[in-house]
Amino acid sequence: NVMSLIFQSLVMVTPDLALVPQLAEKVDISPD
């Protein structure tokens, strides 16, 4: 809780428990 005010990560969790980008603007996943 302390660190989440100071730092950020590539993705984050929303209140509805979805995984979404935070620092990342876009995430591409290869077909495999």
Full PDB file with SEQRES, HELIX, SHEET, SSBOND, CRYST1, ORIGX, SCALE, CONECT and MASTER records, all heavy atoms in Angstrom:
SEQRES   1 A   32  ASN VAL MET SER LEU ILE PHE GLN SER LEU VAL MET VAL          
SEQRES   2 A   32  THR PRO ASP LEU ALA LEU VAL PRO GLN LEU ALA GLU LYS          
SEQRES   3 A   32  VAL ASP ILE SER PRO ASP                                      
HELIX    1 AA1 MET A    3  ILE A    6  1                                   4    
SHEET    1 AA1 2 VAL A  11  VAL A  13  0                                        
SHEET    2 AA1 2 LEU A  19  PRO A  21 -1                                        
CRYST1    1.000    1.000    1.000  90.00  90.00  90.00 P 1           1          
ORIGX1      1.000000  0.000000  0.000000        0.00000                         
ORIGX2      0.000000  1.000000  0.000000        0.00000                         
ORIGX3      0.000000  0.000000  1.000000        0.00000                         
SCALE1      1.000000  0.000000  0.000000        0.00000                         
SCALE2      0.000000  1.000000  0.000000        0.00000                         
SCALE3      0.000000  0.000000  1.000000        0.00000                         
ATOM      1  N   ASN A   1       0.825  -1.202   0.000  1.00  0.00           N  
ATOM      2  CA  ASN A   1       0.000   0.000   0.000  1.00  0.00           C  
ATOM      3  C   ASN A   1       0.861   1.255   0.000  1.00  0.00           C  
ATOM      4  O   ASN A   1       0.513   2.259  -0.635  1.00  0.00           O  
ATOM      5  CB  ASN A   1      -0.930   0.000   1.220  1.00  0.00           C  
ATOM      6  CG  ASN A   1      -2.113  -0.921   1.048  1.00  0.00           C  
ATOM      7  OD1 ASN A   1      -2.434  -1.334  -0.054  1.00  0.00           O  
ATOM      8  ND2 ASN A   1      -2.754  -1.276   2.140  1.00  0.00           N  
ATOM      9  N   VAL A   2       1.966   1.213   0.715  1.00  0.00           N  
ATOM     10  CA  VAL A   2       2.910   2.340   0.690  1.00  0.00           C  
ATOM     11  C   VAL A   2       3.497   2.498  -0.709  1.00  0.00           C  
ATOM     12  O   VAL A   2       3.487   3.582  -1.297  1.00  0.00           O  
ATOM     13  CB  VAL A   2       4.031   2.131   1.730  1.00  0.00           C  
ATOM     14  CG1 VAL A   2       5.137   3.171   1.550  1.00  0.00           C  
ATOM     15  CG2 VAL A   2       3.477   2.203   3.144  1.00  0.00           C  
ATOM     16  N   MET A   3       3.999   1.391  -1.257  1.00  0.00           N  
ATOM     17  CA  MET A   3       4.697   1.458  -2.548  1.00  0.00           C  
ATOM     18  C   MET A   3       3.783   1.860  -3.693  1.00  0.00           C  
ATOM     19  O   MET A   3       4.219   2.507  -4.648  1.00  0.00           O  
ATOM     20  CB  MET A   3       5.358   0.113  -2.841  1.00  0.00           C  
ATOM     21  CG  MET A   3       6.532  -0.196  -1.937  1.00  0.00           C  
ATOM     22  SD  MET A   3       7.479  -1.649  -2.472  1.00  0.00           S  
ATOM     23  CE  MET A   3       6.299  -2.962  -2.167  1.00  0.00           C  
ATOM     24  N   SER A   4       2.502   1.503  -3.615  1.00  0.00           N  
ATOM     25  CA  SER A   4       1.601   1.800  -4.732  1.00  0.00           C  
ATOM     26  C   SER A   4       1.285   3.288  -4.858  1.00  0.00           C  
ATOM     27  O   SER A   4       0.714   3.712  -5.854  1.00  0.00           O  
ATOM     28  CB  SER A   4       0.300   0.992  -4.603  1.00  0.00           C  
ATOM     29  OG  SER A   4      -0.460   1.426  -3.496  1.00  0.00           O  
ATOM     30  N   LEU A   5       1.654   4.074  -3.851  1.00  0.00           N  
ATOM     31  CA  LEU A   5       1.564   5.533  -3.977  1.00  0.00           C  
ATOM     32  C   LEU A   5       2.818   6.108  -4.629  1.00  0.00           C  
ATOM     33  O   LEU A   5       2.764   7.172  -5.258  1.00  0.00           O  
ATOM     34  CB  LEU A   5       1.370   6.181  -2.604  1.00  0.00           C  
ATOM     35  CG  LEU A   5       0.047   5.906  -1.894  1.00  0.00           C  
ATOM     36  CD1 LEU A   5       0.089   6.471  -0.477  1.00  0.00           C  
ATOM     37  CD2 LEU A   5      -1.131   6.496  -2.660  1.00  0.00           C  
ATOM     38  N   ILE A   6       3.939   5.394  -4.492  1.00  0.00           N  
ATOM     39  CA  ILE A   6       5.242   5.897  -4.939  1.00  0.00           C  
ATOM     40  C   ILE A   6       5.613   5.397  -6.323  1.00  0.00           C  
ATOM     41  O   ILE A   6       6.143   6.137  -7.152  1.00  0.00           O  
ATOM     42  CB  ILE A   6       6.345   5.449  -3.957  1.00  0.00           C  
ATOM     43  CG1 ILE A   6       6.015   5.856  -2.532  1.00  0.00           C  
ATOM     44  CG2 ILE A   6       7.706   5.999  -4.376  1.00  0.00           C  
ATOM     45  CD1 ILE A   6       6.888   5.164  -1.490  1.00  0.00           C  
ATOM     46  N   PHE A   7       5.366   4.117  -6.570  1.00  0.00           N  
ATOM     47  CA  PHE A   7       5.797   3.471  -7.805  1.00  0.00           C  
ATOM     48  C   PHE A   7       4.600   3.087  -8.672  1.00  0.00           C  
ATOM     49  O   PHE A   7       3.454   3.115  -8.222  1.00  0.00           O  
ATOM     50  CB  PHE A   7       6.603   2.208  -7.481  1.00  0.00           C  
ATOM     51  CG  PHE A   7       7.830   2.434  -6.653  1.00  0.00           C  
ATOM     52  CD1 PHE A   7       7.969   1.836  -5.403  1.00  0.00           C  
ATOM     53  CD2 PHE A   7       8.866   3.230  -7.124  1.00  0.00           C  
ATOM     54  CE1 PHE A   7       9.104   2.025  -4.635  1.00  0.00           C  
ATOM     55  CE2 PHE A   7      10.008   3.428  -6.364  1.00  0.00           C  
ATOM     56  CZ  PHE A   7      10.129   2.826  -5.117  1.00  0.00           C  
ATOM     57  N   GLN A   8       4.887   2.677  -9.907  1.00  0.00           N  
ATOM     58  CA  GLN A   8       3.862   2.114 -10.781  1.00  0.00           C  
ATOM     59  C   GLN A   8       4.433   0.908 -11.509  1.00  0.00           C  
ATOM     60  O   GLN A   8       5.643   0.678 -11.524  1.00  0.00           O  
ATOM     61  CB  GLN A   8       3.346   3.168 -11.772  1.00  0.00           C  
ATOM     62  CG  GLN A   8       2.559   4.279 -11.101  1.00  0.00           C  
ATOM     63  CD  GLN A   8       1.677   5.066 -12.057  1.00  0.00           C  
ATOM     64  OE1 GLN A   8       2.012   5.263 -13.227  1.00  0.00           O  
ATOM     65  NE2 GLN A   8       0.545   5.530 -11.555  1.00  0.00           N  
ATOM     66  N   SER A   9       3.533   0.126 -12.111  1.00  0.00           N  
ATOM     67  CA  SER A   9       3.916  -1.112 -12.787  1.00  0.00           C  
ATOM     68  C   SER A   9       3.362  -1.110 -14.209  1.00  0.00           C  
ATOM     69  O   SER A   9       2.565  -0.244 -14.584  1.00  0.00           O  
ATOM     70  CB  SER A   9       3.383  -2.318 -12.004  1.00  0.00           C  
ATOM     71  OG  SER A   9       2.005  -2.163 -11.726  1.00  0.00           O  
ATOM     72  N   LEU A  10       3.753  -2.100 -14.996  1.00  0.00           N  
ATOM     73  CA  LEU A  10       3.293  -2.160 -16.392  1.00  0.00           C  
ATOM     74  C   LEU A  10       1.790  -2.386 -16.463  1.00  0.00           C  
ATOM     75  O   LEU A  10       1.106  -1.798 -17.308  1.00  0.00           O  
ATOM     76  CB  LEU A  10       4.040  -3.262 -17.141  1.00  0.00           C  
ATOM     77  CG  LEU A  10       5.548  -3.061 -17.305  1.00  0.00           C  
ATOM     78  CD1 LEU A  10       6.162  -4.236 -18.051  1.00  0.00           C  
ATOM     79  CD2 LEU A  10       5.855  -1.753 -18.023  1.00  0.00           C  
ATOM     80  N   VAL A  11       1.263  -3.243 -15.588  1.00  0.00           N  
ATOM     81  CA  VAL A  11      -0.185  -3.494 -15.549  1.00  0.00           C  
ATOM     82  C   VAL A  11      -0.657  -3.396 -14.110  1.00  0.00           C  
ATOM     83  O   VAL A  11       0.138  -3.439 -13.178  1.00  0.00           O  
ATOM     84  CB  VAL A  11      -0.552  -4.868 -16.161  1.00  0.00           C  
ATOM     85  CG1 VAL A  11      -0.146  -4.944 -17.623  1.00  0.00           C  
ATOM     86  CG2 VAL A  11       0.085  -6.001 -15.357  1.00  0.00           C  
ATOM     87  N   MET A  12      -1.962  -3.277 -13.935  1.00  0.00           N  
ATOM     88  CA  MET A  12      -2.530  -3.136 -12.602  1.00  0.00           C  
ATOM     89  C   MET A  12      -3.881  -3.836 -12.546  1.00  0.00           C  
ATOM     90  O   MET A  12      -4.423  -4.257 -13.572  1.00  0.00           O  
ATOM     91  CB  MET A  12      -2.710  -1.650 -12.251  1.00  0.00           C  
ATOM     92  CG  MET A  12      -3.729  -0.945 -13.126  1.00  0.00           C  
ATOM     93  SD  MET A  12      -3.958   0.807 -12.714  1.00  0.00           S  
ATOM     94  CE  MET A  12      -4.655   0.685 -11.073  1.00  0.00           C  
ATOM     95  N   VAL A  13      -4.439  -3.929 -11.332  1.00  0.00           N  
ATOM     96  CA  VAL A  13      -5.747  -4.549 -11.112  1.00  0.00           C  
ATOM     97  C   VAL A  13      -6.773  -3.456 -10.825  1.00  0.00           C  
ATOM     98  O   VAL A  13      -6.504  -2.529 -10.061  1.00  0.00           O  
ATOM     99  CB  VAL A  13      -5.707  -5.549  -9.947  1.00  0.00           C  
ATOM    100  CG1 VAL A  13      -7.092  -6.098  -9.631  1.00  0.00           C  
ATOM    101  CG2 VAL A  13      -4.755  -6.692 -10.260  1.00  0.00           C  
ATOM    102  N   THR A  14      -7.944  -3.579 -11.440  1.00  0.00           N  
ATOM    103  CA  THR A  14      -9.018  -2.613 -11.243  1.00  0.00           C  
ATOM    104  C   THR A  14      -9.953  -3.082 -10.125  1.00  0.00           C  
ATOM    105  O   THR A  14      -9.865  -4.227  -9.674  1.00  0.00           O  
ATOM    106  CB  THR A  14      -9.842  -2.460 -12.528  1.00  0.00           C  
ATOM    107  OG1 THR A  14     -10.559  -3.687 -12.769  1.00  0.00           O  
ATOM    108  CG2 THR A  14      -8.960  -2.142 -13.718  1.00  0.00           C  
ATOM    109  N   PRO A  15     -10.869  -2.221  -9.682  1.00  0.00           N  
ATOM    110  CA  PRO A  15     -11.817  -2.643  -8.642  1.00  0.00           C  
ATOM    111  C   PRO A  15     -12.672  -3.846  -9.018  1.00  0.00           C  
ATOM    112  O   PRO A  15     -13.152  -4.557  -8.145  1.00  0.00           O  
ATOM    113  CB  PRO A  15     -12.672  -1.393  -8.435  1.00  0.00           C  
ATOM    114  CG  PRO A  15     -11.752  -0.261  -8.769  1.00  0.00           C  
ATOM    115  CD  PRO A  15     -10.949  -0.765  -9.939  1.00  0.00           C  
ATOM    116  N   ASP A  16     -12.898  -4.077 -10.321  1.00  0.00           N  
ATOM    117  CA  ASP A  16     -13.670  -5.255 -10.721  1.00  0.00           C  
ATOM    118  C   ASP A  16     -12.760  -6.447 -11.029  1.00  0.00           C  
ATOM    119  O   ASP A  16     -13.178  -7.430 -11.647  1.00  0.00           O  
ATOM    120  CB  ASP A  16     -14.591  -4.944 -11.899  1.00  0.00           C  
ATOM    121  CG  ASP A  16     -13.841  -4.570 -13.172  1.00  0.00           C  
ATOM    122  OD1 ASP A  16     -12.589  -4.466 -13.120  1.00  0.00           O  
ATOM    123  OD2 ASP A  16     -14.490  -4.372 -14.212  1.00  0.00           O  
ATOM    124  N   LEU A  17     -11.481  -6.343 -10.575  1.00  0.00           N  
ATOM    125  CA  LEU A  17     -10.500  -7.427 -10.645  1.00  0.00           C  
ATOM    126  C   LEU A  17     -10.064  -7.750 -12.066  1.00  0.00           C  
ATOM    127  O   LEU A  17      -9.659  -8.870 -12.378  1.00  0.00           O  
ATOM    128  CB  LEU A  17     -11.015  -8.686  -9.934  1.00  0.00           C  
ATOM    129  CG  LEU A  17     -11.446  -8.478  -8.488  1.00  0.00           C  
ATOM    130  CD1 LEU A  17     -11.938  -9.786  -7.892  1.00  0.00           C  
ATOM    131  CD2 LEU A  17     -10.324  -7.898  -7.656  1.00  0.00           C  
ATOM    132  N   ALA A  18     -10.157  -6.753 -12.944  1.00  0.00           N  
ATOM    133  CA  ALA A  18      -9.599  -6.897 -14.288  1.00  0.00           C  
ATOM    134  C   ALA A  18      -8.130  -6.526 -14.267  1.00  0.00           C  
ATOM    135  O   ALA A  18      -7.685  -5.718 -13.456  1.00  0.00           O  
ATOM    136  CB  ALA A  18     -10.351  -5.994 -15.267  1.00  0.00           C  
ATOM    137  N   LEU A  19      -7.361  -7.112 -15.167  1.00  0.00           N  
ATOM    138  CA  LEU A  19      -5.961  -6.775 -15.333  1.00  0.00           C  
ATOM    139  C   LEU A  19      -5.851  -5.819 -16.507  1.00  0.00           C  
ATOM    140  O   LEU A  19      -6.261  -6.151 -17.626  1.00  0.00           O  
ATOM    141  CB  LEU A  19      -5.145  -8.039 -15.594  1.00  0.00           C  
ATOM    142  CG  LEU A  19      -3.636  -7.952 -15.407  1.00  0.00           C  
ATOM    143  CD1 LEU A  19      -3.288  -7.701 -13.942  1.00  0.00           C  
ATOM    144  CD2 LEU A  19      -2.964  -9.225 -15.888  1.00  0.00           C  
ATOM    145  N   VAL A  20      -5.322  -4.611 -16.268  1.00  0.00           N  
ATOM    146  CA  VAL A  20      -5.300  -3.562 -17.297  1.00  0.00           C  
ATOM    147  C   VAL A  20      -3.927  -2.901 -17.323  1.00  0.00           C  
ATOM    148  O   VAL A  20      -3.168  -2.974 -16.359  1.00  0.00           O  
ATOM    149  CB  VAL A  20      -6.385  -2.498 -17.023  1.00  0.00           C  
ATOM    150  CG1 VAL A  20      -7.763  -3.136 -16.980  1.00  0.00           C  
ATOM    151  CG2 VAL A  20      -6.098  -1.729 -15.739  1.00  0.00           C  
ATOM    152  N   PRO A  21      -3.576  -2.215 -18.429  1.00  0.00           N  
ATOM    153  CA  PRO A  21      -2.303  -1.495 -18.473  1.00  0.00           C  
ATOM    154  C   PRO A  21      -2.261  -0.360 -17.455  1.00  0.00           C  
ATOM    155  O   PRO A  21      -3.275   0.281 -17.179  1.00  0.00           O  
ATOM    156  CB  PRO A  21      -2.269  -0.940 -19.899  1.00  0.00           C  
ATOM    157  CG  PRO A  21      -3.193  -1.804 -20.680  1.00  0.00           C  
ATOM    158  CD  PRO A  21      -4.279  -2.180 -19.720  1.00  0.00           C  
ATOM    159  N   GLN A  22      -1.072  -0.106 -16.895  1.00  0.00           N  
ATOM    160  CA  GLN A  22      -0.854   1.077 -16.064  1.00  0.00           C  
ATOM    161  C   GLN A  22       0.227   1.932 -16.718  1.00  0.00           C  
ATOM    162  O   GLN A  22      -0.075   2.906 -17.394  1.00  0.00           O  
ATOM    163  CB  GLN A  22      -0.474   0.704 -14.633  1.00  0.00           C  
ATOM    164  CG  GLN A  22      -0.406   1.940 -13.706  1.00  0.00           C  
ATOM    165  CD  GLN A  22      -0.073   1.618 -12.277  1.00  0.00           C  
ATOM    166  OE1 GLN A  22       0.892   0.924 -12.000  1.00  0.00           O  
ATOM    167  NE2 GLN A  22      -0.864   2.152 -11.350  1.00  0.00           N  
ATOM    168  N   LEU A  23       1.501   1.580 -16.557  1.00  0.00           N  
ATOM    169  CA  LEU A  23       2.548   2.305 -17.271  1.00  0.00           C  
ATOM    170  C   LEU A  23       2.496   2.012 -18.768  1.00  0.00           C  
ATOM    171  O   LEU A  23       2.770   2.883 -19.596  1.00  0.00           O  
ATOM    172  CB  LEU A  23       3.921   1.919 -16.730  1.00  0.00           C  
ATOM    173  CG  LEU A  23       4.367   2.586 -15.428  1.00  0.00           C  
ATOM    174  CD1 LEU A  23       5.672   1.969 -14.952  1.00  0.00           C  
ATOM    175  CD2 LEU A  23       4.506   4.085 -15.600  1.00  0.00           C  
ATOM    176  N   ALA A  24       2.196   0.790 -19.124  1.00  0.00           N  
ATOM    177  CA  ALA A  24       2.130   0.422 -20.534  1.00  0.00           C  
ATOM    178  C   ALA A  24       0.969   1.139 -21.224  1.00  0.00           C  
ATOM    179  O   ALA A  24      -0.092   1.316 -20.634  1.00  0.00           O  
ATOM    180  CB  ALA A  24       1.976  -1.082 -20.680  1.00  0.00           C  
ATOM    181  N   GLU A  25       1.204   1.563 -22.435  1.00  0.00           N  
ATOM    182  CA  GLU A  25       0.111   2.109 -23.243  1.00  0.00           C  
ATOM    183  C   GLU A  25      -0.581   1.006 -24.031  1.00  0.00           C  
ATOM    184  O   GLU A  25      -1.766   1.117 -24.352  1.00  0.00           O  
ATOM    185  CB  GLU A  25       0.654   3.163 -24.210  1.00  0.00           C  
ATOM    186  CG  GLU A  25       1.109   4.451 -23.529  1.00  0.00           C  
ATOM    187  CD  GLU A  25       1.503   5.525 -24.518  1.00  0.00           C  
ATOM    188  OE1 GLU A  25       1.856   5.164 -25.681  1.00  0.00           O  
ATOM    189  OE2 GLU A  25       1.475   6.713 -24.159  1.00  0.00           O  
ATOM    190  N   LYS A  26       0.159  -0.037 -24.335  1.00  0.00           N  
ATOM    191  CA  LYS A  26      -0.387  -1.136 -25.131  1.00  0.00           C  
ATOM    192  C   LYS A  26       0.387  -2.401 -24.809  1.00  0.00           C  
ATOM    193  O   LYS A  26       1.575  -2.352 -24.500  1.00  0.00           O  
ATOM    194  CB  LYS A  26      -0.279  -0.820 -26.627  1.00  0.00           C  
ATOM    195  CG  LYS A  26      -0.938  -1.847 -27.529  1.00  0.00           C  
ATOM    196  CD  LYS A  26      -0.922  -1.409 -28.996  1.00  0.00           C  
ATOM    197  CE  LYS A  26       0.484  -1.382 -29.559  1.00  0.00           C  
ATOM    198  NZ  LYS A  26       0.493  -1.209 -31.048  1.00  0.00           N  
ATOM    199  N   VAL A  27      -0.300  -3.536 -24.847  1.00  0.00           N  
ATOM    200  CA  VAL A  27       0.331  -4.838 -24.649  1.00  0.00           C  
ATOM    201  C   VAL A  27      -0.029  -5.725 -25.831  1.00  0.00           C  
ATOM    202  O   VAL A  27      -1.210  -5.947 -26.105  1.00  0.00           O  
ATOM    203  CB  VAL A  27      -0.139  -5.510 -23.339  1.00  0.00           C  
ATOM    204  CG1 VAL A  27       0.576  -6.844 -23.145  1.00  0.00           C  
ATOM    205  CG2 VAL A  27       0.098  -4.601 -22.141  1.00  0.00           C  
ATOM    206  N   ASP A  28       0.980  -6.212 -26.538  1.00  0.00           N  
ATOM    207  CA  ASP A  28       0.770  -7.140 -27.646  1.00  0.00           C  
ATOM    208  C   ASP A  28       1.262  -8.524 -27.252  1.00  0.00           C  
ATOM    209  O   ASP A  28       2.375  -8.671 -26.725  1.00  0.00           O  
ATOM    210  CB  ASP A  28       1.519  -6.672 -28.902  1.00  0.00           C  
ATOM    211  CG  ASP A  28       0.908  -5.423 -29.502  1.00  0.00           C  
ATOM    212  OD1 ASP A  28      -0.314  -5.426 -29.734  1.00  0.00           O  
ATOM    213  OD2 ASP A  28       1.649  -4.440 -29.715  1.00  0.00           O  
ATOM    214  N   ILE A  29       0.439  -9.531 -27.511  1.00  0.00           N  
ATOM    215  CA  ILE A  29       0.793 -10.914 -27.189  1.00  0.00           C  
ATOM    216  C   ILE A  29       0.882 -11.701 -28.489  1.00  0.00           C  
ATOM    217  O   ILE A  29      -0.038 -11.664 -29.315  1.00  0.00           O  
ATOM    218  CB  ILE A  29      -0.254 -11.545 -26.261  1.00  0.00           C  
ATOM    219  CG1 ILE A  29      -0.424 -10.690 -25.000  1.00  0.00           C  
ATOM    220  CG2 ILE A  29       0.144 -12.965 -25.888  1.00  0.00           C  
ATOM    221  CD1 ILE A  29      -1.522 -11.162 -24.093  1.00  0.00           C  
ATOM    222  N   SER A  30       1.984 -12.395 -28.684  1.00  0.00           N  
ATOM    223  CA  SER A  30       2.159 -13.174 -29.905  1.00  0.00           C  
ATOM    224  C   SER A  30       1.135 -14.305 -29.961  1.00  0.00           C  
ATOM    225  O   SER A  30       0.633 -14.756 -28.923  1.00  0.00           O  
ATOM    226  CB  SER A  30       3.571 -13.752 -29.970  1.00  0.00           C  
ATOM    227  OG  SER A  30       3.774 -14.675 -28.911  1.00  0.00           O  
ATOM    228  N   PRO A  31       0.810 -14.783 -31.164  1.00  0.00           N  
ATOM    229  CA  PRO A  31      -0.187 -15.863 -31.293  1.00  0.00           C  
ATOM    230  C   PRO A  31       0.156 -17.118 -30.493  1.00  0.00           C  
ATOM    231  O   PRO A  31      -0.734 -17.826 -30.034  1.00  0.00           O  
ATOM    232  CB  PRO A  31      -0.194 -16.151 -32.805  1.00  0.00           C  
ATOM    233  CG  PRO A  31       0.228 -14.863 -33.436  1.00  0.00           C  
ATOM    234  CD  PRO A  31       1.241 -14.277 -32.484  1.00  0.00           C  
ATOM    235  N   ASP A  32       1.452 -17.394 -30.296  1.00  0.00           N  
ATOM    236  CA  ASP A  32       1.834 -18.583 -29.525  1.00  0.00           C  
ATOM    237  C   ASP A  32       1.981 -18.279 -28.038  1.00  0.00           C  
ATOM    238  O   ASP A  32       2.386 -19.146 -27.261  1.00  0.00           O  
ATOM    239  CB  ASP A  32       3.123 -19.197 -30.069  1.00  0.00           C  
ATOM    240  CG  ASP A  32       4.324 -18.258 -29.958  1.00  0.00           C  
ATOM    241  OD1 ASP A  32       4.149 -17.108 -29.475  1.00  0.00           O  
ATOM    242  OD2 ASP A  32       5.435 -18.660 -30.354  1.00  0.00           O  
TER     243      ASP A  32                                                      
MASTER        0    0    0    1    2    0    0    6  242    1    0    3          
END                                                                             
